[in-house]
C-alpha atoms as a PDB file:
ATOM      1  CA  ASP A   1     -10.828 -17.916   5.115  1.00  0.00           C
ATOM      2  CA  ASN A   2     -12.033 -15.514   1.951  1.00  0.00           C
ATOM      3  CA  TRP A   3     -11.619 -12.169   3.783  1.00  0.00           C
ATOM      4  CA  ARG A   4      -8.030 -13.079   4.619  1.00  0.00           C
ATOM      5  CA  GLN A   5      -7.296 -14.461   1.064  1.00  0.00           C
ATOM      6  CA  TYR A   6      -8.541 -11.000  -0.572  1.00  0.00           C
ATOM      7  CA  ALA A   7      -6.715  -8.972   2.188  1.00  0.00           C
ATOM      8  CA  ASN A   8      -3.383 -10.737   1.739  1.00  0.00           C
ATOM      9  CA  LEU A   9      -3.761 -10.230  -1.988  1.00  0.00           C
ATOM     10  CA  ARG A  10      -4.579  -6.446  -1.786  1.00  0.00           C
ATOM     11  CA  THR A  11      -1.653  -6.111   0.704  1.00  0.00           C
ATOM     12  CA  TYR A  12       0.822  -7.761  -1.455  1.00  0.00           C
ATOM     13  CA  LEU A  13      -0.183  -6.001  -4.594  1.00  0.00           C
ATOM     14  CA  ALA A  14       0.380  -2.632  -2.977  1.00  0.00           C
ATOM     15  CA  PHE A  15       3.617  -3.861  -1.357  1.00  0.00           C
ATOM     16  CA  MET A  16       5.018  -4.776  -4.794  1.00  0.00           C
ATOM     17  CA  TRP A  17       3.810  -1.799  -6.438  1.00  0.00           C
ATOM     18  CA  MET A  18       5.248   0.511  -3.867  1.00  0.00           C
ATOM     19  CA  HIS A  19       8.608  -1.470  -3.571  1.00  0.00           C
ATOM     20  CA  PRO A  20      11.458  -0.898  -6.534  1.00  0.00           C
ATOM     21  CA  GLY A  21      11.500  -3.076  -9.260  1.00  0.00           C
ATOM     22  CA  LYS A  22       9.398  -4.127 -12.230  1.00  0.00           C
ATOM     23  CA  LYS A  23       5.947  -5.497 -11.448  1.00  0.00           C
ATOM     24  CA  LEU A  24       4.837  -8.862 -12.206  1.00  0.00           C
ATOM     25  CA  LEU A  25       1.057  -9.551 -12.631  1.00  0.00           C
ATOM     26  CA  PHE A  26      -0.410 -12.642 -14.076  1.00  0.00           C
ATOM     27  CA  MET A  27      -3.287 -12.502 -16.365  1.00  0.00           C
ATOM     28  CA  GLY A  28      -6.406 -12.660 -13.967  1.00  0.00           C
ATOM     29  CA  GLY A  29      -4.463 -11.319 -10.912  1.00  0.00           C
ATOM     30  CA  GLU A  30      -5.968  -7.828 -11.658  1.00  0.00           C
ATOM     31  CA  LEU A  31      -9.474  -9.178 -10.784  1.00  0.00           C
ATOM     32  CA  ALA A  32      -8.424 -11.707  -8.336  1.00  0.00           C
ATOM     33  CA  GLN A  33      -9.362 -14.727 -10.485  1.00  0.00           C
ATOM     34  CA  ALA A  34      -9.456 -17.712  -8.489  1.00  0.00           C
ATOM     35  CA  GLY A  35      -8.302 -20.198 -11.121  1.00  0.00           C
ATOM     36  CA  GLU A  36      -5.151 -20.185 -12.868  1.00  0.00           C
ATOM     37  CA  TRP A  37      -5.220 -18.444 -16.193  1.00  0.00           C
ATOM     38  CA  ASN A  38      -5.678 -20.670 -19.028  1.00  0.00           C
ATOM     39  CA  HIS A  39      -4.191 -19.696 -22.450  1.00  0.00           C
ATOM     40  CA  ASP A  40      -7.087 -21.533 -24.360  1.00  0.00           C
ATOM     41  CA  GLY A  41      -9.844 -19.643 -22.449  1.00  0.00           C
ATOM     42  CA  GLU A  42     -10.450 -15.951 -21.250  1.00  0.00           C
ATOM     43  CA  LEU A  43     -10.309 -14.231 -17.982  1.00  0.00           C
ATOM     44  CA  ASP A  44     -13.003 -15.010 -15.470  1.00  0.00           C
ATOM     45  CA  TRP A  45     -14.934 -11.710 -16.227  1.00  0.00           C
ATOM     46  CA  GLN A  46     -17.857 -13.446 -14.526  1.00  0.00           C
ATOM     47  CA  ALA A  47     -16.111 -12.995 -11.218  1.00  0.00           C
ATOM     48  CA  LEU A  48     -16.848  -9.408 -11.427  1.00  0.00           C
ATOM     49  CA  GLU A  49     -20.614  -9.583 -11.857  1.00  0.00           C
ATOM     50  CA  GLY A  50     -23.295  -9.794  -9.187  1.00  0.00           C
ATOM     51  CA  HIS A  51     -23.825  -8.419  -5.930  1.00  0.00           C
ATOM     52  CA  ALA A  52     -22.538 -11.014  -3.788  1.00  0.00           C
ATOM     53  CA  VAL A  53     -19.840 -10.539  -1.461  1.00  0.00           C
ATOM     54  CA  ASP A  54     -17.199 -12.202  -3.783  1.00  0.00           C
ATOM     55  CA  GLY A  55     -18.156 -10.047  -6.744  1.00  0.00           C
ATOM     56  CA  LEU A  56     -17.492  -6.981  -4.675  1.00  0.00           C
ATOM     57  CA  ARG A  57     -14.153  -8.310  -3.621  1.00  0.00           C
ATOM     58  CA  HIS A  58     -13.219  -9.020  -6.991  1.00  0.00           C
ATOM     59  CA  ARG A  59     -14.294  -5.391  -8.077  1.00  0.00           C
ATOM     60  CA  GLY A  60     -12.338  -4.126  -5.432  1.00  0.00           C
ATOM     61  CA  VAL A  61      -9.209  -5.691  -6.404  1.00  0.00           C
ATOM     62  CA  GLN A  62      -9.764  -4.708  -9.951  1.00  0.00           C
ATOM     63  CA  ALA A  63     -10.380  -0.850  -8.401  1.00  0.00           C
ATOM     64  CA  LEU A  64      -7.219  -1.259  -6.411  1.00  0.00           C
ATOM     65  CA  VAL A  65      -4.888  -2.200  -9.295  1.00  0.00           C
ATOM     66  CA  ARG A  66      -6.351   0.680 -11.384  1.00  0.00           C
ATOM     67  CA  ASP A  67      -5.546   2.923  -8.343  1.00  0.00           C
ATOM     68  CA  LEU A  68      -2.186   1.553  -7.786  1.00  0.00           C
ATOM     69  CA  ASN A  69      -1.324   2.191 -11.504  1.00  0.00           C
ATOM     70  CA  GLN A  70      -2.421   5.738 -11.459  1.00  0.00           C
ATOM     71  CA  LEU A  71      -0.305   6.157  -8.219  1.00  0.00           C
ATOM     72  CA  TYR A  72       2.604   4.751  -9.583  1.00  0.00           C
ATOM     73  CA  ARG A  73       2.243   6.866 -12.767  1.00  0.00           C
ATOM     74  CA  ASP A  74       1.480  10.156 -10.842  1.00  0.00           C
ATOM     75  CA  GLU A  75       4.309   9.860  -7.919  1.00  0.00           C
ATOM     76  CA  PRO A  76       7.962  10.344  -9.374  1.00  0.00           C
ATOM     77  CA  ALA A  77       9.255   8.669  -6.172  1.00  0.00           C
ATOM     78  CA  LEU A  78       7.724   5.356  -7.393  1.00  0.00           C
ATOM     79  CA  HIS A  79       9.523   5.221 -10.606  1.00  0.00           C
ATOM     80  CA  ARG A  80      12.019   8.022 -11.393  1.00  0.00           C
ATOM     81  CA  SER A  81      14.849   6.482  -9.098  1.00  0.00           C
ATOM     82  CA  ASP A  82      13.631   2.780  -9.547  1.00  0.00           C
ATOM     83  CA  THR A  83      16.935   1.390 -10.222  1.00  0.00           C
ATOM     84  CA  ALA A  84      19.134   3.991  -7.846  1.00  0.00           C
ATOM     85  CA  ALA A  85      20.021   2.856  -4.511  1.00  0.00           C
ATOM     86  CA  GLU A  86      19.273   6.243  -3.083  1.00  0.00           C
ATOM     87  CA  GLY A  87      15.805   5.894  -4.570  1.00  0.00           C
ATOM     88  CA  PHE A  88      14.804   3.380  -1.537  1.00  0.00           C
ATOM     89  CA  ALA A  89      15.207   3.050   2.238  1.00  0.00           C
ATOM     90  CA  TRP A  90      14.018   0.692   4.735  1.00  0.00           C
ATOM     91  CA  ILE A  91      12.429   2.446   7.693  1.00  0.00           C
ATOM     92  CA  VAL A  92      11.203  -0.649   9.552  1.00  0.00           C
ATOM     93  CA  GLY A  93      12.418  -4.068   8.086  1.00  0.00           C
ATOM     94  CA  ASP A  94      13.262  -5.848  11.588  1.00  0.00           C
ATOM     95  CA  ASP A  95       9.778  -5.989  13.200  1.00  0.00           C
ATOM     96  CA  ARG A  96       9.381  -9.690  13.292  1.00  0.00           C
ATOM     97  CA  THR A  97       7.137  -9.822  16.227  1.00  0.00           C
ATOM     98  CA  GLN A  98       4.285  -7.616  14.633  1.00  0.00           C
ATOM     99  CA  SER A  99       5.320  -8.443  11.021  1.00  0.00           C
ATOM    100  CA  VAL A 100       5.223  -4.779   9.873  1.00  0.00           C
ATOM    101  CA  PHE A 101       7.355  -3.365   6.959  1.00  0.00           C
ATOM    102  CA  VAL A 102       7.734   0.340   6.315  1.00  0.00           C
ATOM    103  CA  PHE A 103       9.912   1.775   3.683  1.00  0.00           C
ATOM    104  CA  CYS A 104      10.194   4.979   1.820  1.00  0.00           C
ATOM    105  CA  ARG A 105      10.758   5.747  -1.696  1.00  0.00           C
ATOM    106  CA  PHE A 106      12.613   8.967  -3.029  1.00  0.00           C
ATOM    107  CA  ALA A 107      12.761  10.441  -6.632  1.00  0.00           C
ATOM    108  CA  ASP A 108      15.319  13.308  -5.934  1.00  0.00           C
ATOM    109  CA  THR A 109      15.329  16.715  -4.161  1.00  0.00           C
ATOM    110  CA  ASP A 110      12.393  18.027  -6.102  1.00  0.00           C
ATOM    111  CA  ALA A 111       9.942  15.214  -5.709  1.00  0.00           C
ATOM    112  CA  MET A 112       7.914  14.266  -2.571  1.00  0.00           C
ATOM    113  CA  PRO A 113       8.912  10.999  -0.779  1.00  0.00           C
ATOM    114  CA  VAL A 114       6.484   8.030  -0.603  1.00  0.00           C
ATOM    115  CA  VAL A 115       6.143   6.130   2.572  1.00  0.00           C
ATOM    116  CA  ALA A 116       4.499   2.691   2.573  1.00  0.00           C
ATOM    117  CA  ALA A 117       3.603   0.975   5.887  1.00  0.00           C
ATOM    118  CA  CYS A 118       2.623  -2.944   5.420  1.00  0.00           C
ATOM    119  CA  ASN A 119       1.062  -4.856   8.194  1.00  0.00           C
ATOM    120  CA  PHE A 120       1.277  -8.569   7.212  1.00  0.00           C
ATOM    121  CA  THR A 121      -1.023  -9.904  10.136  1.00  0.00           C
ATOM    122  CA  PRO A 122      -4.746 -10.049  10.599  1.00  0.00           C
ATOM    123  CA  VAL A 123      -4.212  -8.007  13.902  1.00  0.00           C
ATOM    124  CA  PRO A 124      -4.499  -4.014  13.734  1.00  0.00           C
ATOM    125  CA  ARG A 125      -1.555  -2.398  14.983  1.00  0.00           C
ATOM    126  CA  LYS A 126      -2.962   0.570  17.231  1.00  0.00           C
ATOM    127  CA  ARG A 127      -0.426   3.791  17.377  1.00  0.00           C
ATOM    128  CA  TYR A 128       2.199   2.183  15.542  1.00  0.00           C
ATOM    129  CA  ARG A 129       5.036   4.651  15.389  1.00  0.00           C
ATOM    130  CA  PHE A 130       7.785   4.739  12.643  1.00  0.00           C
ATOM    131  CA  GLY A 131      10.233   7.055  11.283  1.00  0.00           C
ATOM    132  CA  ALA A 132       9.575   9.768   8.593  1.00  0.00           C
ATOM    133  CA  PRO A 133      12.064  11.635   6.392  1.00  0.00           C
ATOM    134  CA  ARG A 134      10.035  14.998   6.677  1.00  0.00           C
ATOM    135  CA  SER A 135       7.946  17.149   8.877  1.00  0.00           C
ATOM    136  CA  GLY A 136       4.736  18.600   8.368  1.00  0.00           C
ATOM    137  CA  ARG A 137       1.218  16.752   7.484  1.00  0.00           C
ATOM    138  CA  TRP A 138       1.336  13.387   5.603  1.00  0.00           C
ATOM    139  CA  ARG A 139      -1.799  12.270   3.975  1.00  0.00           C
ATOM    140  CA  VAL A 140      -2.739   8.833   3.054  1.00  0.00           C
ATOM    141  CA  VAL A 141      -3.029   8.292  -0.357  1.00  0.00           C
ATOM    142  CA  LEU A 142      -3.836   4.665  -0.678  1.00  0.00           C
ATOM    143  CA  ASN A 143      -5.208   2.111   1.895  1.00  0.00           C
ATOM    144  CA  THR A 144      -5.751  -1.381   0.813  1.00  0.00           C
ATOM    145  CA  ASP A 145      -8.236  -1.925   3.595  1.00  0.00           C
ATOM    146  CA  ALA A 146     -10.643   0.763   2.235  1.00  0.00           C
ATOM    147  CA  ALA A 147     -14.491  -0.325   1.707  1.00  0.00           C
ATOM    148  CA  ALA A 148     -13.891   0.672  -1.952  1.00  0.00           C
ATOM    149  CA  TYR A 149     -11.387  -2.320  -2.397  1.00  0.00           C
ATOM    150  CA  GLY A 150     -13.469  -4.701  -0.544  1.00  0.00           C
ATOM    151  CA  GLY A 151     -11.638  -4.181   2.910  1.00  0.00           C
ATOM    152  CA  SER A 152     -12.908  -3.744   6.395  1.00  0.00           C
ATOM    153  CA  ALA A 153     -12.556  -0.111   6.395  1.00  0.00           C
ATOM    154  CA  PHE A 154     -10.385   0.077   9.782  1.00  0.00           C
ATOM    155  CA  GLY A 155     -10.285   3.454  10.737  1.00  0.00           C
ATOM    156  CA  VAL A 156      -7.129   5.029   9.623  1.00  0.00           C
ATOM    157  CA  ALA A 157      -6.870   8.957   9.833  1.00  0.00           C
ATOM    158  CA  ASP A 158      -6.643  10.571   6.341  1.00  0.00           C
ATOM    159  CA  VAL A 159      -3.929  13.008   7.462  1.00  0.00           C
ATOM    160  CA  VAL A 160      -1.171  12.482   9.950  1.00  0.00           C
ATOM    161  CA  ASP A 161       1.131  15.159  11.528  1.00  0.00           C
ATOM    162  CA  ALA A 162       4.715  14.118  11.573  1.00  0.00           C
ATOM    163  CA  GLN A 163       6.151  14.618  15.166  1.00  0.00           C
ATOM    164  CA  SER A 164       9.699  15.968  16.152  1.00  0.00           C
ATOM    165  CA  HIS A 165      10.096  12.469  17.598  1.00  0.00           C
ATOM    166  CA  PRO A 166      13.409  10.835  15.866  1.00  0.00           C
ATOM    167  CA  SER A 167      12.658   7.170  15.038  1.00  0.00           C
ATOM    168  CA  HIS A 168      14.017   4.361  12.916  1.00  0.00           C
ATOM    169  CA  GLY A 169      17.044   6.491  12.071  1.00  0.00           C
ATOM    170  CA  GLN A 170      14.736   9.301  10.589  1.00  0.00           C
ATOM    171  CA  PRO A 171      14.484  12.761  11.805  1.00  0.00           C
ATOM    172  CA  PHE A 172      10.646  12.785  12.503  1.00  0.00           C
ATOM    173  CA  SER A 173       8.146  10.135  12.979  1.00  0.00           C
ATOM    174  CA  LEU A 174       4.433   9.235  12.096  1.00  0.00           C
ATOM    175  CA  GLU A 175       1.941   7.511  14.467  1.00  0.00           C
ATOM    176  CA  LEU A 176      -0.760   5.381  12.651  1.00  0.00           C
ATOM    177  CA  ASP A 177      -3.506   2.939  13.305  1.00  0.00           C
ATOM    178  CA  LEU A 178      -2.429   0.130  10.869  1.00  0.00           C
ATOM    179  CA  PRO A 179      -5.237  -1.987   9.572  1.00  0.00           C
ATOM    180  CA  PRO A 180      -5.122  -5.549   9.486  1.00  0.00           C
ATOM    181  CA  LEU A 181      -3.600  -7.192   6.435  1.00  0.00           C
ATOM    182  CA  ALA A 182      -3.205  -3.709   4.615  1.00  0.00           C
ATOM    183  CA  THR A 183      -0.732  -1.497   2.994  1.00  0.00           C
ATOM    184  CA  VAL A 184      -1.137   2.169   3.897  1.00  0.00           C
ATOM    185  CA  VAL A 185       0.652   4.534   1.531  1.00  0.00           C
ATOM    186  CA  LEU A 186       1.376   8.200   2.632  1.00  0.00           C
ATOM    187  CA  CYS A 187       2.846  11.389   1.063  1.00  0.00           C
ATOM    188  CA  PRO A 188       3.775  14.598   2.481  1.00  0.00           C
ATOM    189  CA  ASP A 189       0.813  17.016   2.053  1.00  0.00           C
ATOM    190  CA  PRO A 190       2.040  19.910  -0.233  1.00  0.00           C
ATOM    191  CA  ALA A 191      -0.867  22.107   0.679  1.00  0.00           C
ATOM    192  CA  CYS A 192       0.435  22.272   4.346  1.00  0.00           C
ATOM    193  CA  ASP A 193       4.253  23.279   3.481  1.00  0.00           C
END
């Protein structure tokens, strides 16, 4: 259905932006254009117009791409060590039963790490626990299921406290309600250090 199509697109776009490597976005993808881009025409700008649900979803994807670009630019962990093995670590890469992936991006010892948790199913994952490389408070800096992006606004806490409970090879862990078909991005909250 339409909701799942847009949610899958938002989830995958965030997965791709948070994952190492160069980003590939075909013309029209930044606004969830339904048809394939035609070099003899222009982008489907009309998709952004109107107050219909689809118009809101197209504008939501456009806002998400804008925010992903800003996050990528502002967080050194997402680009500084992009080609170095030490810039990436899988936290959860084997949860086939729940289709959840969690990974961490690192820049160096000076920069904060970034953790991305991706739920690739239409089922919310309540109290999902995964490893964290640092203690303290972590804040959600991006949630592809947010209403601003056309998502369902499933309740995700803005701030999560890391627990002294090792998990997935990490010294600490976070417990989070993962929205359906969504990517949630977290960073340590420097105001709480």
